[in-house]
Amino acid sequence: MQTIRFTKMQGAGNDYVYVNCLDKKIENVNETAKIISDRHFGVGSDGLVLICPSDKADFRMDMYNSDGSQAEMCGNASRCVGKYVHDKGLTDKTVFTLETLAGIKTLELTLDENGSTKAVRVNMGGPVLDPKKIPIDSESKDFIEQPVEVDGKEWRVTGVSMGNPHAVTFIDDVDELDIESIGPKFENHPLFPKRINTEFACVKDRNTIKMRVWERGAGETLACGTGACATLVAAALCGLTEDEADIELLGGTLHIKWDRESNNIFMTGPAEFVFDGEITVGL
């Protein structure tokens, strides 16, 4: 048995349970993540995020999906980590670095009149377009608007890695999409050796995209920060939008900017506390 003090937070509806592990460890973290994430018998979340010490950055983020698998990166979670460490007094910096499995990210906080974090801008680094590095089982130099057959239908797919793998496809109507049916078929398609996060997107105008996401290991979530970044990159590469746009998700809106000169993608969005709690987990 282990008793864990936690904070639940959400960024654009993408909710995780956060645990301060700067001076302690969580036992059997994969199973613990599954138990905590369960929306009927646990706290209920898209996954578990551990805030840890780092010898490369100010903090390290270790994150696990609701099925217990480890994830490389989550943009919404990184913003929430930024709010957590500042607003709980673990740092007084408003610009600091965060180590992730997808590399070191720089976070910039915007504070309100009371000194609390109201928004976080994350330098997400540059997109990876080489199929072998995404990874996608393809010999081409990139994977832009490529035909992929899923469930007997041809989809035009653009592959992007933001430290984790994404397949973006543009459709006419995301609201009518049966994502519970098609999402798992994309996720487990043999073209994607490490499974895939899939973004189904509809371009409203050259500065606005509406998007739904099926996350690898979690199913449909209300938002995905890396997915929003991948969607903007895909839209820009396909000539559908400018290099800066609002991405409208089920849980809210993220602003994404691709600075092609520096090849960095900047994501700005909210991060909010939901509640603090304590749970005893029997393994």
C-alpha atoms as a PDB file:
ATOM      1  CA  MET A   1       0.000   0.000   0.000  1.00  0.00           C
ATOM      2  CA  GLN A   2       1.186   3.525  -0.712  1.00  0.00           C
ATOM      3  CA  THR A   3      -0.502   6.801   0.140  1.00  0.00           C
ATOM      4  CA  ILE A   4      -0.016   9.519  -2.458  1.00  0.00           C
ATOM      5  CA  ARG A   5      -0.735  13.209  -2.102  1.00  0.00           C
ATOM      6  CA  PHE A   6      -1.652  14.666  -5.474  1.00  0.00           C
ATOM      7  CA  THR A   7      -2.991  17.670  -7.340  1.00  0.00           C
ATOM      8  CA  LYS A   8      -5.399  17.319 -10.222  1.00  0.00           C
ATOM      9  CA  MET A   9      -4.924  19.930 -12.958  1.00  0.00           C
ATOM     10  CA  GLN A  10      -6.217  20.516 -16.465  1.00  0.00           C
ATOM     11  CA  GLY A  11      -5.083  22.398 -19.530  1.00  0.00           C
ATOM     12  CA  ALA A  12      -7.851  22.925 -22.095  1.00  0.00           C
ATOM     13  CA  GLY A  13      -9.626  19.942 -20.577  1.00  0.00           C
ATOM     14  CA  ASN A  14      -6.627  17.597 -20.829  1.00  0.00           C
ATOM     15  CA  ASP A  15      -6.578  16.441 -17.187  1.00  0.00           C
ATOM     16  CA  TYR A  16      -3.754  14.738 -15.329  1.00  0.00           C
ATOM     17  CA  VAL A  17      -2.915  13.882 -11.752  1.00  0.00           C
ATOM     18  CA  TYR A  18       0.325  15.577 -10.640  1.00  0.00           C
ATOM     19  CA  VAL A  19       2.606  14.342  -7.863  1.00  0.00           C
ATOM     20  CA  ASN A  20       5.575  16.156  -6.354  1.00  0.00           C
ATOM     21  CA  CYS A  21       8.408  13.618  -6.560  1.00  0.00           C
ATOM     22  CA  LEU A  22      11.263  16.009  -5.883  1.00  0.00           C
ATOM     23  CA  ASP A  23      12.152  14.135  -2.706  1.00  0.00           C
ATOM     24  CA  LYS A  24      10.170  10.887  -2.976  1.00  0.00           C
ATOM     25  CA  LYS A  25       9.368   8.116  -5.440  1.00  0.00           C
ATOM     26  CA  ILE A  26       6.191   6.383  -6.551  1.00  0.00           C
ATOM     27  CA  GLU A  27       6.294   2.587  -6.400  1.00  0.00           C
ATOM     28  CA  ASN A  28       5.274   0.503  -9.419  1.00  0.00           C
ATOM     29  CA  VAL A  29       4.452   3.652 -11.345  1.00  0.00           C
ATOM     30  CA  ASN A  30       2.908   1.961 -14.405  1.00  0.00           C
ATOM     31  CA  GLU A  31       0.236   0.151 -12.373  1.00  0.00           C
ATOM     32  CA  THR A  32      -0.211   3.175 -10.104  1.00  0.00           C
ATOM     33  CA  ALA A  33      -0.956   5.326 -13.148  1.00  0.00           C
ATOM     34  CA  LYS A  34      -3.673   2.918 -14.276  1.00  0.00           C
ATOM     35  CA  ILE A  35      -5.304   2.844 -10.838  1.00  0.00           C
ATOM     36  CA  ILE A  36      -5.193   6.616 -10.298  1.00  0.00           C
ATOM     37  CA  SER A  37      -6.436   7.399 -13.821  1.00  0.00           C
ATOM     38  CA  ASP A  38      -9.502   5.163 -13.580  1.00  0.00           C
ATOM     39  CA  ARG A  39     -12.545   7.448 -13.739  1.00  0.00           C
ATOM     40  CA  HIS A  40     -14.742   5.061 -11.734  1.00  0.00           C
ATOM     41  CA  PHE A  41     -12.440   3.637  -9.054  1.00  0.00           C
ATOM     42  CA  GLY A  42      -9.545   6.121  -8.981  1.00  0.00           C
ATOM     43  CA  VAL A  43      -9.103   9.873  -9.160  1.00  0.00           C
ATOM     44  CA  GLY A  44      -9.941   9.974 -12.862  1.00  0.00           C
ATOM     45  CA  SER A  45      -7.572  11.487 -15.422  1.00  0.00           C
ATOM     46  CA  ASP A  46      -5.885  11.152 -18.785  1.00  0.00           C
ATOM     47  CA  GLY A  47      -2.774  10.003 -16.940  1.00  0.00           C
ATOM     48  CA  LEU A  48      -0.227  10.562 -14.171  1.00  0.00           C
ATOM     49  CA  VAL A  49       2.539  13.185 -14.167  1.00  0.00           C
ATOM     50  CA  LEU A  50       5.503  13.055 -11.780  1.00  0.00           C
ATOM     51  CA  ILE A  51       7.439  16.274 -11.111  1.00  0.00           C
ATOM     52  CA  CYS A  52      11.027  15.211 -10.475  1.00  0.00           C
ATOM     53  CA  PRO A  53      14.498  16.683  -9.980  1.00  0.00           C
ATOM     54  CA  SER A  54      16.729  17.059 -13.020  1.00  0.00           C
ATOM     55  CA  ASP A  55      20.467  17.392 -13.558  1.00  0.00           C
ATOM     56  CA  LYS A  56      19.844  18.927 -16.998  1.00  0.00           C
ATOM     57  CA  ALA A  57      17.026  21.414 -16.369  1.00  0.00           C
ATOM     58  CA  ASP A  58      15.150  23.135 -13.550  1.00  0.00           C
ATOM     59  CA  PHE A  59      12.662  20.232 -13.285  1.00  0.00           C
ATOM     60  CA  ARG A  60      11.872  16.920 -15.001  1.00  0.00           C
ATOM     61  CA  MET A  61       8.431  15.692 -16.076  1.00  0.00           C
ATOM     62  CA  ASP A  62       7.770  11.948 -16.141  1.00  0.00           C
ATOM     63  CA  MET A  63       4.361  11.116 -17.521  1.00  0.00           C
ATOM     64  CA  TYR A  64       2.221   8.025 -17.954  1.00  0.00           C
ATOM     65  CA  ASN A  65      -0.957   7.455 -19.945  1.00  0.00           C
ATOM     66  CA  SER A  66      -4.131   6.107 -18.386  1.00  0.00           C
ATOM     67  CA  ASP A  67      -3.237   2.610 -19.642  1.00  0.00           C
ATOM     68  CA  GLY A  68       0.052   2.737 -17.708  1.00  0.00           C
ATOM     69  CA  SER A  69       2.313   3.246 -20.713  1.00  0.00           C
ATOM     70  CA  GLN A  70       4.937   5.963 -20.530  1.00  0.00           C
ATOM     71  CA  ALA A  71       4.582   8.986 -22.812  1.00  0.00           C
ATOM     72  CA  GLU A  72       7.386  11.138 -24.157  1.00  0.00           C
ATOM     73  CA  MET A  73       5.716  14.524 -23.931  1.00  0.00           C
ATOM     74  CA  CYS A  74       2.437  16.375 -23.470  1.00  0.00           C
ATOM     75  CA  GLY A  75       2.134  20.081 -24.138  1.00  0.00           C
ATOM     76  CA  ASN A  76      -0.884  20.577 -21.876  1.00  0.00           C
ATOM     77  CA  ALA A  77       0.814  18.695 -19.041  1.00  0.00           C
ATOM     78  CA  SER A  78       3.985  20.759 -19.398  1.00  0.00           C
ATOM     79  CA  ARG A  79       1.974  23.963 -18.980  1.00  0.00           C
ATOM     80  CA  CYS A  80       0.351  22.569 -15.854  1.00  0.00           C
ATOM     81  CA  VAL A  81       3.761  21.616 -14.464  1.00  0.00           C
ATOM     82  CA  GLY A  82       4.784  25.233 -15.024  1.00  0.00           C
ATOM     83  CA  LYS A  83       1.834  26.529 -13.021  1.00  0.00           C
ATOM     84  CA  TYR A  84       2.310  23.874 -10.322  1.00  0.00           C
ATOM     85  CA  VAL A  85       5.973  24.573  -9.567  1.00  0.00           C
ATOM     86  CA  HIS A  86       5.498  28.355  -9.588  1.00  0.00           C
ATOM     87  CA  ASP A  87       2.210  28.691  -7.755  1.00  0.00           C
ATOM     88  CA  LYS A  88       3.159  26.110  -5.117  1.00  0.00           C
ATOM     89  CA  GLY A  89       6.414  27.956  -4.397  1.00  0.00           C
ATOM     90  CA  LEU A  90       8.876  25.426  -5.825  1.00  0.00           C
ATOM     91  CA  THR A  91      10.422  28.193  -7.937  1.00  0.00           C
ATOM     92  CA  ASP A  92      10.096  31.953  -8.218  1.00  0.00           C
ATOM     93  CA  LYS A  93      11.223  31.951 -11.848  1.00  0.00           C
ATOM     94  CA  THR A  94       8.771  32.867 -14.575  1.00  0.00           C
ATOM     95  CA  VAL A  95      11.053  31.449 -17.289  1.00  0.00           C
ATOM     96  CA  PHE A  96      12.568  28.031 -16.654  1.00  0.00           C
ATOM     97  CA  THR A  97      13.406  24.706 -18.273  1.00  0.00           C
ATOM     98  CA  LEU A  98      11.674  21.348 -18.104  1.00  0.00           C
ATOM     99  CA  GLU A  99      13.308  18.042 -18.982  1.00  0.00           C
ATOM    100  CA  THR A 100      11.100  15.547 -20.831  1.00  0.00           C
ATOM    101  CA  LEU A 101      11.712  12.366 -22.796  1.00  0.00           C
ATOM    102  CA  ALA A 102      11.257  14.556 -25.886  1.00  0.00           C
ATOM    103  CA  GLY A 103      14.036  16.933 -24.821  1.00  0.00           C
ATOM    104  CA  ILE A 104      14.302  20.080 -22.718  1.00  0.00           C
ATOM    105  CA  LYS A 105      11.479  22.594 -23.098  1.00  0.00           C
ATOM    106  CA  THR A 106      11.480  26.261 -22.068  1.00  0.00           C
ATOM    107  CA  LEU A 107       8.389  27.562 -20.268  1.00  0.00           C
ATOM    108  CA  GLU A 108       7.389  31.217 -19.968  1.00  0.00           C
ATOM    109  CA  LEU A 109       4.679  32.113 -17.438  1.00  0.00           C
ATOM    110  CA  THR A 110       2.209  34.976 -17.610  1.00  0.00           C
ATOM    111  CA  LEU A 111       1.046  36.006 -14.140  1.00  0.00           C
ATOM    112  CA  ASP A 112      -2.165  37.692 -13.066  1.00  0.00           C
ATOM    113  CA  GLU A 113      -2.429  40.675 -10.728  1.00  0.00           C
ATOM    114  CA  ASN A 114      -2.201  38.341  -7.710  1.00  0.00           C
ATOM    115  CA  GLY A 115       1.008  36.696  -8.907  1.00  0.00           C
ATOM    116  CA  SER A 116      -0.650  33.437  -9.954  1.00  0.00           C
ATOM    117  CA  THR A 117       0.012  31.807 -13.301  1.00  0.00           C
ATOM    118  CA  LYS A 118      -2.789  32.457 -15.794  1.00  0.00           C
ATOM    119  CA  ALA A 119      -1.142  31.234 -19.012  1.00  0.00           C
ATOM    120  CA  VAL A 120       1.992  29.405 -20.064  1.00  0.00           C
ATOM    121  CA  ARG A 121       3.947  29.630 -23.315  1.00  0.00           C
ATOM    122  CA  VAL A 122       6.054  26.593 -24.134  1.00  0.00           C
ATOM    123  CA  ASN A 123       8.825  26.403 -26.690  1.00  0.00           C
ATOM    124  CA  MET A 124       8.033  22.945 -28.039  1.00  0.00           C
ATOM    125  CA  GLY A 125      11.108  22.759 -30.277  1.00  0.00           C
ATOM    126  CA  GLY A 126      10.994  21.887 -33.945  1.00  0.00           C
ATOM    127  CA  PRO A 127       8.801  19.353 -35.729  1.00  0.00           C
ATOM    128  CA  VAL A 128      10.328  16.108 -36.976  1.00  0.00           C
ATOM    129  CA  LEU A 129       9.159  15.146 -40.480  1.00  0.00           C
ATOM    130  CA  ASP A 130      11.471  12.209 -41.272  1.00  0.00           C
ATOM    131  CA  PRO A 131       9.200   9.134 -41.263  1.00  0.00           C
ATOM    132  CA  LYS A 132      11.902   6.922 -39.744  1.00  0.00           C
ATOM    133  CA  LYS A 133      12.161   9.250 -36.752  1.00  0.00           C
ATOM    134  CA  ILE A 134       8.403   9.723 -36.200  1.00  0.00           C
ATOM    135  CA  PRO A 135       8.289   6.628 -36.678  1.00  0.00           C
ATOM    136  CA  ILE A 136       6.278   5.652 -39.753  1.00  0.00           C
ATOM    137  CA  ASP A 137       7.048   2.592 -41.834  1.00  0.00           C
ATOM    138  CA  SER A 138       7.836   4.507 -45.017  1.00  0.00           C
ATOM    139  CA  GLU A 139      10.928   4.942 -47.185  1.00  0.00           C
ATOM    140  CA  SER A 140       9.997   8.470 -48.343  1.00  0.00           C
ATOM    141  CA  LYS A 141      11.859  11.558 -47.095  1.00  0.00           C
ATOM    142  CA  ASP A 142       8.677  12.934 -45.542  1.00  0.00           C
ATOM    143  CA  PHE A 143       5.057  11.844 -45.095  1.00  0.00           C
ATOM    144  CA  ILE A 144       2.864  14.730 -46.230  1.00  0.00           C
ATOM    145  CA  GLU A 145      -0.692  14.144 -47.455  1.00  0.00           C
ATOM    146  CA  GLN A 146       0.077  10.492 -48.110  1.00  0.00           C
ATOM    147  CA  PRO A 147      -2.803   8.067 -48.817  1.00  0.00           C
ATOM    148  CA  VAL A 148      -3.414   5.595 -45.995  1.00  0.00           C
ATOM    149  CA  GLU A 149      -6.175   3.008 -46.023  1.00  0.00           C
ATOM    150  CA  VAL A 150      -7.920   2.660 -42.670  1.00  0.00           C
ATOM    151  CA  ASP A 151     -11.147   0.692 -42.216  1.00  0.00           C
ATOM    152  CA  GLY A 152     -11.637   0.370 -45.972  1.00  0.00           C
ATOM    153  CA  LYS A 153     -11.356   4.128 -46.631  1.00  0.00           C
ATOM    154  CA  GLU A 154      -8.486   6.197 -48.000  1.00  0.00           C
ATOM    155  CA  TRP A 155      -7.345   9.039 -45.745  1.00  0.00           C
ATOM    156  CA  ARG A 156      -4.761  11.703 -46.581  1.00  0.00           C
ATOM    157  CA  VAL A 157      -2.307  11.682 -43.686  1.00  0.00           C
ATOM    158  CA  THR A 158       0.610  13.909 -42.682  1.00  0.00           C
ATOM    159  CA  GLY A 159       3.098  12.531 -40.176  1.00  0.00           C
ATOM    160  CA  VAL A 160       4.764  14.793 -37.606  1.00  0.00           C
ATOM    161  CA  SER A 161       6.699  14.067 -34.434  1.00  0.00           C
ATOM    162  CA  MET A 162       6.694  16.605 -31.612  1.00  0.00           C
ATOM    163  CA  GLY A 163       8.737  14.243 -29.472  1.00  0.00           C
ATOM    164  CA  ASN A 164       5.832  11.818 -29.778  1.00  0.00           C
ATOM    165  CA  PRO A 165       4.275  10.525 -33.015  1.00  0.00           C
ATOM    166  CA  HIS A 166       1.292  12.152 -34.710  1.00  0.00           C
ATOM    167  CA  ALA A 167      -0.773  11.444 -37.806  1.00  0.00           C
ATOM    168  CA  VAL A 168      -2.860  14.420 -38.943  1.00  0.00           C
ATOM    169  CA  THR A 169      -5.730  14.103 -41.391  1.00  0.00           C
ATOM    170  CA  PHE A 170      -8.004  16.895 -42.602  1.00  0.00           C
ATOM    171  CA  ILE A 171     -11.716  16.184 -42.955  1.00  0.00           C
ATOM    172  CA  ASP A 172     -14.850  18.212 -43.644  1.00  0.00           C
ATOM    173  CA  ASP A 173     -16.660  17.688 -40.329  1.00  0.00           C
ATOM    174  CA  VAL A 174     -15.031  16.627 -37.061  1.00  0.00           C
ATOM    175  CA  ASP A 175     -18.295  16.802 -35.106  1.00  0.00           C
ATOM    176  CA  GLU A 176     -19.854  13.891 -36.970  1.00  0.00           C
ATOM    177  CA  LEU A 177     -16.750  11.703 -36.785  1.00  0.00           C
ATOM    178  CA  ASP A 178     -17.157   8.311 -35.043  1.00  0.00           C
ATOM    179  CA  ILE A 179     -13.795   8.687 -33.341  1.00  0.00           C
ATOM    180  CA  GLU A 180     -14.360   5.782 -30.948  1.00  0.00           C
ATOM    181  CA  SER A 181     -14.493   3.478 -33.951  1.00  0.00           C
ATOM    182  CA  ILE A 182     -11.822   4.923 -36.227  1.00  0.00           C
ATOM    183  CA  GLY A 183      -9.355   6.133 -33.554  1.00  0.00           C
ATOM    184  CA  PRO A 184      -8.121   2.702 -32.420  1.00  0.00           C
ATOM    185  CA  LYS A 185      -7.725   1.594 -36.044  1.00  0.00           C
ATOM    186  CA  PHE A 186      -5.354   4.482 -36.709  1.00  0.00           C
ATOM    187  CA  GLU A 187      -3.544   3.993 -33.396  1.00  0.00           C
ATOM    188  CA  ASN A 188      -2.795   0.333 -34.094  1.00  0.00           C
ATOM    189  CA  HIS A 189      -2.281   0.528 -37.868  1.00  0.00           C
ATOM    190  CA  PRO A 190       0.815  -1.484 -38.947  1.00  0.00           C
ATOM    191  CA  LEU A 191       2.196   1.642 -40.618  1.00  0.00           C
ATOM    192  CA  PHE A 192       2.953   3.014 -37.132  1.00  0.00           C
ATOM    193  CA  PRO A 193       5.378   0.696 -35.267  1.00  0.00           C
ATOM    194  CA  LYS A 194       5.062   2.549 -31.935  1.00  0.00           C
ATOM    195  CA  ARG A 195       1.348   3.291 -32.368  1.00  0.00           C
ATOM    196  CA  ILE A 196       0.219   6.820 -33.174  1.00  0.00           C
ATOM    197  CA  ASN A 197      -1.676   9.841 -31.875  1.00  0.00           C
ATOM    198  CA  THR A 198      -4.225  10.855 -34.498  1.00  0.00           C
ATOM    199  CA  GLU A 199      -5.593  14.339 -35.120  1.00  0.00           C
ATOM    200  CA  PHE A 200      -8.788  14.734 -37.146  1.00  0.00           C
ATOM    201  CA  ALA A 201      -8.898  18.379 -38.181  1.00  0.00           C
ATOM    202  CA  CYS A 202     -11.152  20.780 -40.075  1.00  0.00           C
ATOM    203  CA  VAL A 203      -9.767  24.102 -41.335  1.00  0.00           C
ATOM    204  CA  LYS A 204     -12.261  26.890 -40.623  1.00  0.00           C
ATOM    205  CA  ASP A 205     -10.105  29.674 -42.080  1.00  0.00           C
ATOM    206  CA  ARG A 206      -6.411  30.387 -42.521  1.00  0.00           C
ATOM    207  CA  ASN A 207      -5.979  31.221 -38.847  1.00  0.00           C
ATOM    208  CA  THR A 208      -8.394  28.766 -37.219  1.00  0.00           C
ATOM    209  CA  ILE A 209      -8.522  24.963 -37.091  1.00  0.00           C
ATOM    210  CA  LYS A 210     -11.021  22.760 -35.286  1.00  0.00           C
ATOM    211  CA  MET A 211      -9.548  19.473 -34.125  1.00  0.00           C
ATOM    212  CA  ARG A 212     -10.342  16.255 -32.265  1.00  0.00           C
ATOM    213  CA  VAL A 213      -7.652  13.890 -31.078  1.00  0.00           C
ATOM    214  CA  TRP A 214      -7.344  10.174 -30.406  1.00  0.00           C
ATOM    215  CA  GLU A 215      -4.385   9.798 -28.057  1.00  0.00           C
ATOM    216  CA  ARG A 216      -2.230   6.700 -28.051  1.00  0.00           C
ATOM    217  CA  GLY A 217      -2.830   4.885 -24.767  1.00  0.00           C
ATOM    218  CA  ALA A 218      -5.649   7.184 -23.608  1.00  0.00           C
ATOM    219  CA  GLY A 219      -8.373   7.347 -26.281  1.00  0.00           C
ATOM    220  CA  GLU A 220     -10.139  10.589 -27.122  1.00  0.00           C
ATOM    221  CA  THR A 221      -9.098  13.454 -24.875  1.00  0.00           C
ATOM    222  CA  LEU A 222     -10.419  16.984 -24.673  1.00  0.00           C
ATOM    223  CA  ALA A 223      -7.096  18.431 -25.803  1.00  0.00           C
ATOM    224  CA  CYS A 224      -3.565  17.510 -26.839  1.00  0.00           C
ATOM    225  CA  GLY A 225      -0.854  20.162 -26.913  1.00  0.00           C
ATOM    226  CA  THR A 226       1.647  18.248 -29.040  1.00  0.00           C
ATOM    227  CA  GLY A 227      -1.254  17.260 -31.307  1.00  0.00           C
ATOM    228  CA  ALA A 228      -2.245  20.896 -31.726  1.00  0.00           C
ATOM    229  CA  CYS A 229       1.346  21.711 -32.703  1.00  0.00           C
ATOM    230  CA  ALA A 230       1.463  18.807 -35.162  1.00  0.00           C
ATOM    231  CA  THR A 231      -1.847  19.920 -36.668  1.00  0.00           C
ATOM    232  CA  LEU A 232      -0.612  23.464 -37.255  1.00  0.00           C
ATOM    233  CA  VAL A 233       2.556  22.132 -38.894  1.00  0.00           C
ATOM    234  CA  ALA A 234       0.567  19.786 -41.126  1.00  0.00           C
ATOM    235  CA  ALA A 235      -1.865  22.539 -42.128  1.00  0.00           C
ATOM    236  CA  ALA A 236       0.952  24.952 -42.949  1.00  0.00           C
ATOM    237  CA  LEU A 237       2.869  22.336 -44.938  1.00  0.00           C
ATOM    238  CA  CYS A 238      -0.273  21.524 -46.920  1.00  0.00           C
ATOM    239  CA  GLY A 239      -0.882  25.222 -47.635  1.00  0.00           C
ATOM    240  CA  LEU A 240      -4.135  25.306 -45.698  1.00  0.00           C
ATOM    241  CA  THR A 241      -3.216  27.914 -43.077  1.00  0.00           C
ATOM    242  CA  GLU A 242      -0.608  30.455 -42.118  1.00  0.00           C
ATOM    243  CA  ASP A 243       2.248  29.503 -39.767  1.00  0.00           C
ATOM    244  CA  GLU A 244       0.222  30.746 -36.779  1.00  0.00           C
ATOM    245  CA  ALA A 245      -3.307  29.730 -35.834  1.00  0.00           C
ATOM    246  CA  ASP A 246      -5.782  29.032 -33.064  1.00  0.00           C
ATOM    247  CA  ILE A 247      -6.506  25.347 -32.610  1.00  0.00           C
ATOM    248  CA  GLU A 248     -10.019  24.793 -31.280  1.00  0.00           C
ATOM    249  CA  LEU A 249     -10.224  21.627 -29.173  1.00  0.00           C
ATOM    250  CA  LEU A 250     -13.102  20.088 -27.257  1.00  0.00           C
ATOM    251  CA  GLY A 251     -11.667  21.496 -24.015  1.00  0.00           C
ATOM    252  CA  GLY A 252     -10.603  24.945 -25.188  1.00  0.00           C
ATOM    253  CA  THR A 253      -8.350  26.827 -27.580  1.00  0.00           C
ATOM    254  CA  LEU A 254      -4.555  26.747 -27.911  1.00  0.00           C
ATOM    255  CA  HIS A 255      -2.555  29.302 -29.874  1.00  0.00           C
ATOM    256  CA  ILE A 256       0.233  27.741 -31.927  1.00  0.00           C
ATOM    257  CA  LYS A 257       3.004  29.584 -33.795  1.00  0.00           C
ATOM    258  CA  TRP A 258       5.646  27.967 -36.006  1.00  0.00           C
ATOM    259  CA  ASP A 259       8.712  30.200 -36.323  1.00  0.00           C
ATOM    260  CA  ARG A 260      10.271  28.672 -39.410  1.00  0.00           C
ATOM    261  CA  GLU A 261      13.418  30.819 -39.172  1.00  0.00           C
ATOM    262  CA  SER A 262      14.389  29.252 -35.841  1.00  0.00           C
ATOM    263  CA  ASN A 263      12.303  26.117 -36.517  1.00  0.00           C
ATOM    264  CA  ASN A 264      10.633  26.365 -33.121  1.00  0.00           C
ATOM    265  CA  ILE A 265       6.971  25.907 -32.317  1.00  0.00           C
ATOM    266  CA  PHE A 266       5.445  27.992 -29.543  1.00  0.00           C
ATOM    267  CA  MET A 267       2.288  26.881 -27.777  1.00  0.00           C
ATOM    268  CA  THR A 268       0.323  29.220 -25.521  1.00  0.00           C
ATOM    269  CA  GLY A 269      -2.640  28.162 -23.436  1.00  0.00           C
ATOM    270  CA  PRO A 270      -4.242  27.915 -19.999  1.00  0.00           C
ATOM    271  CA  ALA A 271      -3.358  25.743 -17.006  1.00  0.00           C
ATOM    272  CA  GLU A 272      -5.698  25.390 -14.044  1.00  0.00           C
ATOM    273  CA  PHE A 273      -5.840  23.680 -10.672  1.00  0.00           C
ATOM    274  CA  VAL A 274      -8.845  21.428 -10.088  1.00  0.00           C
ATOM    275  CA  PHE A 275      -8.273  20.050  -6.582  1.00  0.00           C
ATOM    276  CA  ASP A 276      -5.737  18.567  -4.151  1.00  0.00           C
ATOM    277  CA  GLY A 277      -6.228  15.158  -2.616  1.00  0.00           C
ATOM    278  CA  GLU A 278      -4.786  11.980  -1.194  1.00  0.00           C
ATOM    279  CA  ILE A 279      -5.266   8.411  -2.382  1.00  0.00           C
ATOM    280  CA  THR A 280      -4.116   5.090  -0.959  1.00  0.00           C
ATOM    281  CA  VAL A 281      -3.156   2.648  -3.686  1.00  0.00           C
ATOM    282  CA  GLY A 282      -2.900  -1.063  -3.077  1.00  0.00           C
ATOM    283  CA  LEU A 283      -0.686  -2.920  -5.556  1.00  0.00           C
END
